[in-house]
């Protein structure tokens, strides 16, 4: 998602999900790395719907999977309910804690056949 620009993160009021500086890299061979997602940040507020769109292979699915820590991001933060008493930093949770939190999140992947 390089070149997608940056957005100004909002104050914590009504923010349900905050993604800060998300990076996803995958090793290829011994000395090479694929930079799949580079420094992505955004907020999702209560009542909003977020759609991630882009060309094939640009990191949309990788970004979505990183939000639920499948796999864990290389760096960055994914925070539920930032600034509240219920704040949860997904990137710091253990496996059992992640299993308890994941039911609060949902991804809907596009069916390419039905969109034709």
PDB file of N, CA and C in Angstrom:
ATOM      1  N   UNK A   1       0.820  -1.176   0.000  1.00  0.00           N
ATOM      2  CA  UNK A   1       0.000   0.000   0.000  1.00  0.00           C
ATOM      3  C   UNK A   1       0.871   1.250   0.000  1.00  0.00           C
ATOM      4  N   UNK A   2       2.083   1.082  -0.431  1.00  0.00           N
ATOM      5  CA  UNK A   2       2.969   2.222  -0.515  1.00  0.00           C
ATOM      6  C   UNK A   2       2.367   3.283  -1.416  1.00  0.00           C
ATOM      7  N   UNK A   3       2.573   4.527  -1.046  1.00  0.00           N
ATOM      8  CA  UNK A   3       2.073   5.617  -1.854  1.00  0.00           C
ATOM      9  C   UNK A   3       0.631   5.965  -1.596  1.00  0.00           C
ATOM     10  N   UNK A   4       0.019   5.311  -0.605  1.00  0.00           N
ATOM     11  CA  UNK A   4      -1.390   5.586  -0.340  1.00  0.00           C
ATOM     12  C   UNK A   4      -1.579   6.866   0.452  1.00  0.00           C
ATOM     13  N   UNK A   5      -0.496   7.461   0.930  1.00  0.00           N
ATOM     14  CA  UNK A   5      -0.609   8.703   1.679  1.00  0.00           C
ATOM     15  C   UNK A   5      -0.867   8.453   3.146  1.00  0.00           C
ATOM     16  N   UNK A   6      -1.053   9.518   3.879  1.00  0.00           N
ATOM     17  CA  UNK A   6      -1.317   9.397   5.303  1.00  0.00           C
ATOM     18  C   UNK A   6      -2.615  10.105   5.621  1.00  0.00           C
ATOM     19  N   UNK A   7      -3.208   9.718   6.724  1.00  0.00           N
ATOM     20  CA  UNK A   7      -4.417  10.363   7.198  1.00  0.00           C
ATOM     21  C   UNK A   7      -4.170  10.866   8.600  1.00  0.00           C
ATOM     22  N   UNK A   8      -4.865  11.909   8.961  1.00  0.00           N
ATOM     23  CA  UNK A   8      -4.772  12.441  10.316  1.00  0.00           C
ATOM     24  C   UNK A   8      -5.638  11.593  11.230  1.00  0.00           C
ATOM     25  N   UNK A   9      -5.027  10.980  12.246  1.00  0.00           N
ATOM     26  CA  UNK A   9      -5.806  10.209  13.200  1.00  0.00           C
ATOM     27  C   UNK A   9      -6.631  11.164  14.040  1.00  0.00           C
ATOM     28  N   UNK A  10      -7.828  10.761  14.369  1.00  0.00           N
ATOM     29  CA  UNK A  10      -8.761  11.614  15.107  1.00  0.00           C
ATOM     30  C   UNK A  10      -8.556  11.442  16.606  1.00  0.00           C
ATOM     31  N   UNK A  11      -9.211  12.329  17.384  1.00  0.00           N
ATOM     32  CA  UNK A  11      -9.181  12.107  18.822  1.00  0.00           C
ATOM     33  C   UNK A  11      -9.971  10.830  19.109  1.00  0.00           C
ATOM     34  N   UNK A  12      -9.888  10.342  20.345  1.00  0.00           N
ATOM     35  CA  UNK A  12     -10.420   9.025  20.668  1.00  0.00           C
ATOM     36  C   UNK A  12     -11.940   8.941  20.752  1.00  0.00           C
ATOM     37  N   UNK A  13     -12.647  10.060  20.738  1.00  0.00           N
ATOM     38  CA  UNK A  13     -14.105  10.027  20.874  1.00  0.00           C
ATOM     39  C   UNK A  13     -14.722   9.198  19.751  1.00  0.00           C
ATOM     40  N   UNK A  14     -15.465   8.183  20.113  1.00  0.00           N
ATOM     41  CA  UNK A  14     -16.194   7.320  19.177  1.00  0.00           C
ATOM     42  C   UNK A  14     -15.313   6.485  18.253  1.00  0.00           C
ATOM     43  N   UNK A  15     -14.006   6.418  18.491  1.00  0.00           N
ATOM     44  CA  UNK A  15     -13.148   5.568  17.669  1.00  0.00           C
ATOM     45  C   UNK A  15     -13.230   4.142  18.206  1.00  0.00           C
ATOM     46  N   UNK A  16     -13.619   3.204  17.345  1.00  0.00           N
ATOM     47  CA  UNK A  16     -13.708   1.796  17.733  1.00  0.00           C
ATOM     48  C   UNK A  16     -12.442   1.028  17.405  1.00  0.00           C
ATOM     49  N   UNK A  17     -11.785   1.420  16.314  1.00  0.00           N
ATOM     50  CA  UNK A  17     -10.579   0.728  15.868  1.00  0.00           C
ATOM     51  C   UNK A  17      -9.564   1.759  15.416  1.00  0.00           C
ATOM     52  N   UNK A  18      -8.353   1.641  15.917  1.00  0.00           N
ATOM     53  CA  UNK A  18      -7.255   2.516  15.486  1.00  0.00           C
ATOM     54  C   UNK A  18      -6.106   1.633  15.014  1.00  0.00           C
ATOM     55  N   UNK A  19      -5.656   1.897  13.808  1.00  0.00           N
ATOM     56  CA  UNK A  19      -4.502   1.213  13.241  1.00  0.00           C
ATOM     57  C   UNK A  19      -3.414   2.259  13.074  1.00  0.00           C
ATOM     58  N   UNK A  20      -2.248   1.985  13.656  1.00  0.00           N
ATOM     59  CA  UNK A  20      -1.149   2.955  13.635  1.00  0.00           C
ATOM     60  C   UNK A  20       0.099   2.323  13.037  1.00  0.00           C
ATOM     61  N   UNK A  21       0.563   2.883  11.944  1.00  0.00           N
ATOM     62  CA  UNK A  21       1.849   2.524  11.347  1.00  0.00           C
ATOM     63  C   UNK A  21       2.005   1.023  11.105  1.00  0.00           C
ATOM     64  N   UNK A  22       0.969   0.408  10.570  1.00  0.00           N
ATOM     65  CA  UNK A  22       0.967  -1.031  10.333  1.00  0.00           C
ATOM     66  C   UNK A  22       1.936  -1.387   9.212  1.00  0.00           C
ATOM     67  N   UNK A  23       2.796  -2.358   9.476  1.00  0.00           N
ATOM     68  CA  UNK A  23       3.768  -2.850   8.502  1.00  0.00           C
ATOM     69  C   UNK A  23       3.676  -4.371   8.473  1.00  0.00           C
ATOM     70  N   UNK A  24       3.625  -4.922   7.264  1.00  0.00           N
ATOM     71  CA  UNK A  24       3.647  -6.378   7.081  1.00  0.00           C
ATOM     72  C   UNK A  24       4.740  -6.708   6.075  1.00  0.00           C
ATOM     73  N   UNK A  25       5.686  -7.508   6.529  1.00  0.00           N
ATOM     74  CA  UNK A  25       6.781  -7.953   5.669  1.00  0.00           C
ATOM     75  C   UNK A  25       6.879  -9.469   5.757  1.00  0.00           C
ATOM     76  N   UNK A  26       7.235 -10.094   4.649  1.00  0.00           N
ATOM     77  CA  UNK A  26       7.364 -11.544   4.601  1.00  0.00           C
ATOM     78  C   UNK A  26       8.731 -11.907   4.039  1.00  0.00           C
ATOM     79  N   UNK A  27       9.454 -12.809   4.724  1.00  0.00           N
ATOM     80  CA  UNK A  27      10.752 -13.236   4.201  1.00  0.00           C
ATOM     81  C   UNK A  27      10.580 -14.084   2.943  1.00  0.00           C
ATOM     82  N   UNK A  28      11.464 -13.847   1.993  1.00  0.00           N
ATOM     83  CA  UNK A  28      11.499 -14.629   0.762  1.00  0.00           C
ATOM     84  C   UNK A  28      12.945 -15.060   0.588  1.00  0.00           C
ATOM     85  N   UNK A  29      13.202 -16.321   0.745  1.00  0.00           N
ATOM     86  CA  UNK A  29      14.581 -16.780   0.695  1.00  0.00           C
ATOM     87  C   UNK A  29      15.324 -16.354   1.950  1.00  0.00           C
ATOM     88  N   UNK A  30      16.631 -16.342   1.855  1.00  0.00           N
ATOM     89  CA  UNK A  30      17.444 -16.033   3.040  1.00  0.00           C
ATOM     90  C   UNK A  30      17.612 -14.544   3.300  1.00  0.00           C
ATOM     91  N   UNK A  31      17.721 -13.769   2.242  1.00  0.00           N
ATOM     92  CA  UNK A  31      18.111 -12.370   2.421  1.00  0.00           C
ATOM     93  C   UNK A  31      17.147 -11.378   1.787  1.00  0.00           C
ATOM     94  N   UNK A  32      15.971 -11.821   1.408  1.00  0.00           N
ATOM     95  CA  UNK A  32      15.022 -10.912   0.770  1.00  0.00           C
ATOM     96  C   UNK A  32      13.736 -10.837   1.579  1.00  0.00           C
ATOM     97  N   UNK A  33      13.090  -9.692   1.493  1.00  0.00           N
ATOM     98  CA  UNK A  33      11.845  -9.455   2.212  1.00  0.00           C
ATOM     99  C   UNK A  33      10.851  -8.808   1.256  1.00  0.00           C
ATOM    100  N   UNK A  34       9.609  -9.280   1.286  1.00  0.00           N
ATOM    101  CA  UNK A  34       8.533  -8.639   0.536  1.00  0.00           C
ATOM    102  C   UNK A  34       7.846  -7.658   1.476  1.00  0.00           C
ATOM    103  N   UNK A  35       7.781  -6.397   1.075  1.00  0.00           N
ATOM    104  CA  UNK A  35       7.109  -5.355   1.856  1.00  0.00           C
ATOM    105  C   UNK A  35       5.657  -5.302   1.378  1.00  0.00           C
ATOM    106  N   UNK A  36       4.784  -6.051   2.052  1.00  0.00           N
ATOM    107  CA  UNK A  36       3.399  -6.182   1.603  1.00  0.00           C
ATOM    108  C   UNK A  36       2.538  -4.990   2.001  1.00  0.00           C
ATOM    109  N   UNK A  37       2.763  -4.450   3.193  1.00  0.00           N
ATOM    110  CA  UNK A  37       2.003  -3.304   3.703  1.00  0.00           C
ATOM    111  C   UNK A  37       3.000  -2.375   4.376  1.00  0.00           C
ATOM    112  N   UNK A  38       2.973  -1.099   4.021  1.00  0.00           N
ATOM    113  CA  UNK A  38       3.969  -0.149   4.522  1.00  0.00           C
ATOM    114  C   UNK A  38       3.321   1.029   5.225  1.00  0.00           C
ATOM    115  N   UNK A  39       3.425   1.075   6.545  1.00  0.00           N
ATOM    116  CA  UNK A  39       3.078   2.261   7.340  1.00  0.00           C
ATOM    117  C   UNK A  39       1.637   2.736   7.122  1.00  0.00           C
ATOM    118  N   UNK A  40       0.681   1.835   7.308  1.00  0.00           N
ATOM    119  CA  UNK A  40      -0.736   2.164   7.133  1.00  0.00           C
ATOM    120  C   UNK A  40      -1.333   2.589   8.471  1.00  0.00           C
ATOM    121  N   UNK A  41      -2.060   3.705   8.478  1.00  0.00           N
ATOM    122  CA  UNK A  41      -2.738   4.203   9.683  1.00  0.00           C
ATOM    123  C   UNK A  41      -4.144   4.663   9.320  1.00  0.00           C
ATOM    124  N   UNK A  42      -5.115   4.312  10.159  1.00  0.00           N
ATOM    125  CA  UNK A  42      -6.481   4.806   9.980  1.00  0.00           C
ATOM    126  C   UNK A  42      -7.283   4.553  11.251  1.00  0.00           C
ATOM    127  N   UNK A  43      -8.407   5.248  11.366  1.00  0.00           N
ATOM    128  CA  UNK A  43      -9.373   5.062  12.446  1.00  0.00           C
ATOM    129  C   UNK A  43     -10.702   4.633  11.839  1.00  0.00           C
ATOM    130  N   UNK A  44     -11.452   3.844  12.582  1.00  0.00           N
ATOM    131  CA  UNK A  44     -12.837   3.532  12.239  1.00  0.00           C
ATOM    132  C   UNK A  44     -13.677   3.946  13.437  1.00  0.00           C
ATOM    133  N   UNK A  45     -14.620   4.863  13.199  1.00  0.00           N
ATOM    134  CA  UNK A  45     -15.499   5.359  14.268  1.00  0.00           C
ATOM    135  C   UNK A  45     -16.792   4.560  14.329  1.00  0.00           C
ATOM    136  N   UNK A  46     -17.434   4.663  15.464  1.00  0.00           N
ATOM    137  CA  UNK A  46     -18.746   4.039  15.667  1.00  0.00           C
ATOM    138  C   UNK A  46     -19.678   4.457  14.523  1.00  0.00           C
ATOM    139  N   UNK A  47     -20.352   3.498  13.910  1.00  0.00           N
ATOM    140  CA  UNK A  47     -21.292   3.775  12.828  1.00  0.00           C
ATOM    141  C   UNK A  47     -20.665   3.829  11.446  1.00  0.00           C
ATOM    142  N   UNK A  48     -19.343   3.841  11.354  1.00  0.00           N
ATOM    143  CA  UNK A  48     -18.675   3.876  10.054  1.00  0.00           C
ATOM    144  C   UNK A  48     -18.478   2.464   9.513  1.00  0.00           C
ATOM    145  N   UNK A  49     -18.379   2.383   8.207  1.00  0.00           N
ATOM    146  CA  UNK A  49     -18.005   1.154   7.526  1.00  0.00           C
ATOM    147  C   UNK A  49     -16.753   1.459   6.728  1.00  0.00           C
ATOM    148  N   UNK A  50     -15.764   0.590   6.832  1.00  0.00           N
ATOM    149  CA  UNK A  50     -14.511   0.797   6.117  1.00  0.00           C
ATOM    150  C   UNK A  50     -14.404  -0.203   4.979  1.00  0.00           C
ATOM    151  N   UNK A  51     -14.111   0.283   3.804  1.00  0.00           N
ATOM    152  CA  UNK A  51     -13.820  -0.573   2.662  1.00  0.00           C
ATOM    153  C   UNK A  51     -12.385  -0.338   2.239  1.00  0.00           C
ATOM    154  N   UNK A  52     -11.635  -1.405   2.065  1.00  0.00           N
ATOM    155  CA  UNK A  52     -10.251  -1.297   1.593  1.00  0.00           C
ATOM    156  C   UNK A  52     -10.261  -1.743   0.143  1.00  0.00           C
ATOM    157  N   UNK A  53      -9.919  -0.839  -0.750  1.00  0.00           N
ATOM    158  CA  UNK A  53      -9.971  -1.131  -2.181  1.00  0.00           C
ATOM    159  C   UNK A  53      -8.608  -0.872  -2.807  1.00  0.00           C
ATOM    160  N   UNK A  54      -8.348  -1.540  -3.911  1.00  0.00           N
ATOM    161  CA  UNK A  54      -7.097  -1.332  -4.619  1.00  0.00           C
ATOM    162  C   UNK A  54      -6.868  -2.439  -5.622  1.00  0.00           C
ATOM    163  N   UNK A  55      -5.778  -2.316  -6.333  1.00  0.00           N
ATOM    164  CA  UNK A  55      -5.432  -3.285  -7.363  1.00  0.00           C
ATOM    165  C   UNK A  55      -5.094  -4.627  -6.746  1.00  0.00           C
ATOM    166  N   UNK A  56      -5.170  -5.660  -7.550  1.00  0.00           N
ATOM    167  CA  UNK A  56      -4.802  -7.001  -7.115  1.00  0.00           C
ATOM    168  C   UNK A  56      -3.351  -7.006  -6.635  1.00  0.00           C
ATOM    169  N   UNK A  57      -3.128  -7.585  -5.463  1.00  0.00           N
ATOM    170  CA  UNK A  57      -1.774  -7.703  -4.939  1.00  0.00           C
ATOM    171  C   UNK A  57      -1.254  -6.496  -4.199  1.00  0.00           C
ATOM    172  N   UNK A  58      -2.101  -5.498  -3.933  1.00  0.00           N
ATOM    173  CA  UNK A  58      -1.606  -4.268  -3.298  1.00  0.00           C
ATOM    174  C   UNK A  58      -1.585  -4.333  -1.769  1.00  0.00           C
ATOM    175  N   UNK A  59      -2.118  -5.409  -1.161  1.00  0.00           N
ATOM    176  CA  UNK A  59      -2.046  -5.547   0.290  1.00  0.00           C
ATOM    177  C   UNK A  59      -3.368  -5.430   1.022  1.00  0.00           C
ATOM    178  N   UNK A  60      -4.478  -5.440   0.303  1.00  0.00           N
ATOM    179  CA  UNK A  60      -5.800  -5.306   0.949  1.00  0.00           C
ATOM    180  C   UNK A  60      -6.075  -6.451   1.914  1.00  0.00           C
ATOM    181  N   UNK A  61      -5.984  -7.674   1.440  1.00  0.00           N
ATOM    182  CA  UNK A  61      -6.266  -8.836   2.288  1.00  0.00           C
ATOM    183  C   UNK A  61      -5.229  -8.975   3.389  1.00  0.00           C
ATOM    184  N   UNK A  62      -3.985  -8.681   3.083  1.00  0.00           N
ATOM    185  CA  UNK A  62      -2.930  -8.749   4.089  1.00  0.00           C
ATOM    186  C   UNK A  62      -3.204  -7.758   5.209  1.00  0.00           C
ATOM    187  N   UNK A  63      -3.646  -6.556   4.860  1.00  0.00           N
ATOM    188  CA  UNK A  63      -4.001  -5.559   5.875  1.00  0.00           C
ATOM    189  C   UNK A  63      -5.150  -6.062   6.737  1.00  0.00           C
ATOM    190  N   UNK A  64      -6.195  -6.582   6.104  1.00  0.00           N
ATOM    191  CA  UNK A  64      -7.359  -7.076   6.850  1.00  0.00           C
ATOM    192  C   UNK A  64      -6.976  -8.212   7.785  1.00  0.00           C
ATOM    193  N   UNK A  65      -6.164  -9.124   7.321  1.00  0.00           N
ATOM    194  CA  UNK A  65      -5.747 -10.244   8.171  1.00  0.00           C
ATOM    195  C   UNK A  65      -4.878  -9.762   9.331  1.00  0.00           C
ATOM    196  N   UNK A  66      -4.067  -8.758   9.090  1.00  0.00           N
ATOM    197  CA  UNK A  66      -3.213  -8.220  10.158  1.00  0.00           C
ATOM    198  C   UNK A  66      -4.044  -7.592  11.275  1.00  0.00           C
ATOM    199  N   UNK A  67      -5.217  -7.066  10.947  1.00  0.00           N
ATOM    200  CA  UNK A  67      -6.066  -6.459  11.975  1.00  0.00           C
ATOM    201  C   UNK A  67      -6.467  -7.474  13.035  1.00  0.00           C
ATOM    202  N   UNK A  68      -6.674  -8.721  12.623  1.00  0.00           N
ATOM    203  CA  UNK A  68      -7.040  -9.767  13.583  1.00  0.00           C
ATOM    204  C   UNK A  68      -5.841 -10.647  13.934  1.00  0.00           C
ATOM    205  N   UNK A  69      -4.647 -10.171  13.569  1.00  0.00           N
ATOM    206  CA  UNK A  69      -3.388 -10.809  13.938  1.00  0.00           C
ATOM    207  C   UNK A  69      -3.202 -12.182  13.295  1.00  0.00           C
ATOM    208  N   UNK A  70      -3.648 -12.330  12.055  1.00  0.00           N
ATOM    209  CA  UNK A  70      -3.467 -13.573  11.296  1.00  0.00           C
ATOM    210  C   UNK A  70      -2.791 -13.273   9.974  1.00  0.00           C
ATOM    211  N   UNK A  71      -1.507 -13.163   9.880  1.00  0.00           N
ATOM    212  CA  UNK A  71      -0.503 -13.281  10.935  1.00  0.00           C
ATOM    213  C   UNK A  71      -0.302 -11.947  11.644  1.00  0.00           C
ATOM    214  N   UNK A  72       0.525 -11.973  12.677  1.00  0.00           N
ATOM    215  CA  UNK A  72       0.819 -10.736  13.404  1.00  0.00           C
ATOM    216  C   UNK A  72       1.611  -9.787  12.502  1.00  0.00           C
ATOM    217  N   UNK A  73       1.351  -8.488  12.628  1.00  0.00           N
ATOM    218  CA  UNK A  73       2.107  -7.525  11.819  1.00  0.00           C
ATOM    219  C   UNK A  73       3.583  -7.505  12.203  1.00  0.00           C
ATOM    220  N   UNK A  74       4.406  -7.086  11.268  1.00  0.00           N
ATOM    221  CA  UNK A  74       5.827  -6.908  11.538  1.00  0.00           C
ATOM    222  C   UNK A  74       6.023  -5.801  12.560  1.00  0.00           C
ATOM    223  N   UNK A  75       5.265  -4.721  12.409  1.00  0.00           N
ATOM    224  CA  UNK A  75       5.292  -3.627  13.386  1.00  0.00           C
ATOM    225  C   UNK A  75       3.998  -2.831  13.264  1.00  0.00           C
ATOM    226  N   UNK A  76       3.811  -1.929  14.210  1.00  0.00           N
ATOM    227  CA  UNK A  76       2.609  -1.112  14.244  1.00  0.00           C
ATOM    228  C   UNK A  76       1.674  -1.573  15.343  1.00  0.00           C
ATOM    229  N   UNK A  77       0.543  -0.882  15.452  1.00  0.00           N
ATOM    230  CA  UNK A  77      -0.438  -1.185  16.497  1.00  0.00           C
ATOM    231  C   UNK A  77      -1.833  -1.301  15.896  1.00  0.00           C
ATOM    232  N   UNK A  78      -2.626  -2.199  16.487  1.00  0.00           N
ATOM    233  CA  UNK A  78      -4.044  -2.350  16.166  1.00  0.00           C
ATOM    234  C   UNK A  78      -4.769  -2.280  17.502  1.00  0.00           C
ATOM    235  N   UNK A  79      -5.524  -1.188  17.727  1.00  0.00           N
ATOM    236  CA  UNK A  79      -6.110  -0.936  19.045  1.00  0.00           C
ATOM    237  C   UNK A  79      -7.631  -0.869  18.936  1.00  0.00           C
ATOM    238  N   UNK A  80      -8.302  -1.672  19.751  1.00  0.00           N
ATOM    239  CA  UNK A  80      -9.758  -1.614  19.865  1.00  0.00           C
ATOM    240  C   UNK A  80     -10.122  -0.662  20.990  1.00  0.00           C
ATOM    241  N   UNK A  81     -11.136   0.151  20.798  1.00  0.00           N
ATOM    242  CA  UNK A  81     -11.635   1.100  21.805  1.00  0.00           C
ATOM    243  C   UNK A  81     -10.524   1.971  22.398  1.00  0.00           C
ATOM    244  N   UNK A  82      -9.721   2.647  21.557  1.00  0.00           N
ATOM    245  CA  UNK A  82      -8.609   3.449  22.085  1.00  0.00           C
ATOM    246  C   UNK A  82      -9.097   4.557  23.013  1.00  0.00           C
ATOM    247  N   UNK A  83      -8.352   4.761  24.079  1.00  0.00           N
ATOM    248  CA  UNK A  83      -8.663   5.830  25.017  1.00  0.00           C
ATOM    249  C   UNK A  83      -9.755   5.498  26.014  1.00  0.00           C
ATOM    250  N   UNK A  84     -10.376   4.324  25.894  1.00  0.00           N
ATOM    251  CA  UNK A  84     -11.440   3.955  26.836  1.00  0.00           C
ATOM    252  C   UNK A  84     -10.881   3.007  27.893  1.00  0.00           C
ATOM    253  N   UNK A  85     -11.693   2.722  28.889  1.00  0.00           N
ATOM    254  CA  UNK A  85     -11.304   1.750  29.910  1.00  0.00           C
ATOM    255  C   UNK A  85     -11.197   0.347  29.328  1.00  0.00           C
ATOM    256  N   UNK A  86     -11.798   0.129  28.164  1.00  0.00           N
ATOM    257  CA  UNK A  86     -11.802  -1.184  27.518  1.00  0.00           C
ATOM    258  C   UNK A  86     -10.733  -1.313  26.436  1.00  0.00           C
ATOM    259  N   UNK A  87      -9.808  -0.348  26.346  1.00  0.00           N
ATOM    260  CA  UNK A  87      -8.790  -0.349  25.291  1.00  0.00           C
ATOM    261  C   UNK A  87      -8.034  -1.676  25.256  1.00  0.00           C
ATOM    262  N   UNK A  88      -7.899  -2.219  24.047  1.00  0.00           N
ATOM    263  CA  UNK A  88      -7.177  -3.473  23.845  1.00  0.00           C
ATOM    264  C   UNK A  88      -6.205  -3.279  22.690  1.00  0.00           C
ATOM    265  N   UNK A  89      -4.922  -3.455  22.953  1.00  0.00           N
ATOM    266  CA  UNK A  89      -3.911  -3.431  21.895  1.00  0.00           C
ATOM    267  C   UNK A  89      -3.749  -4.866  21.403  1.00  0.00           C
ATOM    268  N   UNK A  90      -4.321  -5.150  20.241  1.00  0.00           N
ATOM    269  CA  UNK A  90      -4.310  -6.505  19.692  1.00  0.00           C
ATOM    270  C   UNK A  90      -2.894  -7.038  19.495  1.00  0.00           C
ATOM    271  N   UNK A  91      -1.948  -6.153  19.219  1.00  0.00           N
ATOM    272  CA  UNK A  91      -0.588  -6.592  18.914  1.00  0.00           C
ATOM    273  C   UNK A  91       0.156  -7.090  20.143  1.00  0.00           C
ATOM    274  N   UNK A  92      -0.390  -6.884  21.339  1.00  0.00           N
ATOM    275  CA  UNK A  92       0.286  -7.336  22.559  1.00  0.00           C
ATOM    276  C   UNK A  92      -0.380  -8.555  23.191  1.00  0.00           C
ATOM    277  N   UNK A  93      -1.478  -9.038  22.625  1.00  0.00           N
ATOM    278  CA  UNK A  93      -2.232 -10.125  23.243  1.00  0.00           C
ATOM    279  C   UNK A  93      -1.616 -11.494  22.972  1.00  0.00           C
ATOM    280  N   UNK A  94      -1.772 -12.387  23.946  1.00  0.00           N
ATOM    281  CA  UNK A  94      -1.360 -13.780  23.784  1.00  0.00           C
ATOM    282  C   UNK A  94      -2.393 -14.507  22.923  1.00  0.00           C
ATOM    283  N   UNK A  95      -2.088 -15.725  22.545  1.00  0.00           N
ATOM    284  CA  UNK A  95      -2.998 -16.501  21.710  1.00  0.00           C
ATOM    285  C   UNK A  95      -4.370 -16.697  22.320  1.00  0.00           C
ATOM    286  N   UNK A  96      -4.431 -17.035  23.609  1.00  0.00           N
ATOM    287  CA  UNK A  96      -5.734 -17.264  24.245  1.00  0.00           C
ATOM    288  C   UNK A  96      -6.522 -15.966  24.370  1.00  0.00           C
ATOM    289  N   UNK A  97      -5.847 -14.864  24.630  1.00  0.00           N
ATOM    290  CA  UNK A  97      -6.534 -13.568  24.707  1.00  0.00           C
ATOM    291  C   UNK A  97      -7.055 -13.143  23.340  1.00  0.00           C
ATOM    292  N   UNK A  98      -6.288 -13.423  22.289  1.00  0.00           N
ATOM    293  CA  UNK A  98      -6.740 -13.104  20.930  1.00  0.00           C
ATOM    294  C   UNK A  98      -8.013 -13.870  20.581  1.00  0.00           C
ATOM    295  N   UNK A  99      -8.088 -15.131  20.973  1.00  0.00           N
ATOM    296  CA  UNK A  99      -9.282 -15.929  20.681  1.00  0.00           C
ATOM    297  C   UNK A  99     -10.520 -15.344  21.349  1.00  0.00           C
ATOM    298  N   UNK A 100     -10.357 -14.696  22.488  1.00  0.00           N
ATOM    299  CA  UNK A 100     -11.490 -14.078  23.176  1.00  0.00           C
ATOM    300  C   UNK A 100     -11.931 -12.790  22.496  1.00  0.00           C
ATOM    301  N   UNK A 101     -10.993 -12.064  21.880  1.00  0.00           N
ATOM    302  CA  UNK A 101     -11.281 -10.757  21.281  1.00  0.00           C
ATOM    303  C   UNK A 101     -11.761 -10.877  19.832  1.00  0.00           C
ATOM    304  N   UNK A 102     -11.267 -11.843  19.086  1.00  0.00           N
ATOM    305  CA  UNK A 102     -11.588 -11.944  17.654  1.00  0.00           C
ATOM    306  C   UNK A 102     -13.079 -11.977  17.332  1.00  0.00           C
ATOM    307  N   UNK A 103     -13.936 -12.571  18.160  1.00  0.00           N
ATOM    308  CA  UNK A 103     -15.369 -12.549  17.824  1.00  0.00           C
ATOM    309  C   UNK A 103     -15.972 -11.139  17.759  1.00  0.00           C
ATOM    310  N   UNK A 104     -15.291 -10.135  18.306  1.00  0.00           N
ATOM    311  CA  UNK A 104     -15.780  -8.755  18.251  1.00  0.00           C
ATOM    312  C   UNK A 104     -15.507  -8.107  16.901  1.00  0.00           C
ATOM    313  N   UNK A 105     -14.710  -8.761  16.056  1.00  0.00           N
ATOM    314  CA  UNK A 105     -14.324  -8.188  14.770  1.00  0.00           C
ATOM    315  C   UNK A 105     -14.875  -9.067  13.651  1.00  0.00           C
ATOM    316  N   UNK A 106     -15.134  -8.440  12.500  1.00  0.00           N
ATOM    317  CA  UNK A 106     -15.648  -9.194  11.364  1.00  0.00           C
ATOM    318  C   UNK A 106     -15.093  -8.610  10.072  1.00  0.00           C
ATOM    319  N   UNK A 107     -14.689  -9.496   9.171  1.00  0.00           N
ATOM    320  CA  UNK A 107     -14.254  -9.087   7.840  1.00  0.00           C
ATOM    321  C   UNK A 107     -15.202  -9.720   6.834  1.00  0.00           C
ATOM    322  N   UNK A 108     -15.570  -8.969   5.834  1.00  0.00           N
ATOM    323  CA  UNK A 108     -16.402  -9.496   4.759  1.00  0.00           C
ATOM    324  C   UNK A 108     -15.598  -9.350   3.475  1.00  0.00           C
ATOM    325  N   UNK A 109     -15.146 -10.473   2.936  1.00  0.00           N
ATOM    326  CA  UNK A 109     -14.362 -10.445   1.716  1.00  0.00           C
ATOM    327  C   UNK A 109     -15.300 -10.465   0.522  1.00  0.00           C
ATOM    328  N   UNK A 110     -14.958  -9.709  -0.482  1.00  0.00           N
ATOM    329  CA  UNK A 110     -15.775  -9.606  -1.688  1.00  0.00           C
ATOM    330  C   UNK A 110     -15.744 -10.917  -2.453  1.00  0.00           C
ATOM    331  N   UNK A 111     -16.880 -11.325  -2.931  1.00  0.00           N
ATOM    332  CA  UNK A 111     -16.979 -12.474  -3.815  1.00  0.00           C
ATOM    333  C   UNK A 111     -16.875 -11.945  -5.245  1.00  0.00           C
ATOM    334  N   UNK A 112     -15.748 -12.175  -5.923  1.00  0.00           N
ATOM    335  CA  UNK A 112     -15.566 -11.573  -7.248  1.00  0.00           C
ATOM    336  C   UNK A 112     -16.589 -12.040  -8.282  1.00  0.00           C
ATOM    337  N   UNK A 113     -17.116 -13.238  -8.138  1.00  0.00           N
ATOM    338  CA  UNK A 113     -18.096 -13.743  -9.103  1.00  0.00           C
ATOM    339  C   UNK A 113     -19.409 -12.972  -8.998  1.00  0.00           C
ATOM    340  N   UNK A 114     -19.853 -12.689  -7.771  1.00  0.00           N
ATOM    341  CA  UNK A 114     -21.138 -12.004  -7.602  1.00  0.00           C
ATOM    342  C   UNK A 114     -21.064 -10.525  -7.962  1.00  0.00           C
ATOM    343  N   UNK A 115     -19.868  -9.974  -8.078  1.00  0.00           N
ATOM    344  CA  UNK A 115     -19.750  -8.550  -8.396  1.00  0.00           C
ATOM    345  C   UNK A 115     -19.716  -8.282  -9.895  1.00  0.00           C
ATOM    346  N   UNK A 116     -19.721  -9.329 -10.700  1.00  0.00           N
ATOM    347  CA  UNK A 116     -19.666  -9.143 -12.163  1.00  0.00           C
ATOM    348  C   UNK A 116     -20.995  -8.721 -12.728  1.00  0.00           C
TER     349      UNK A 116
END
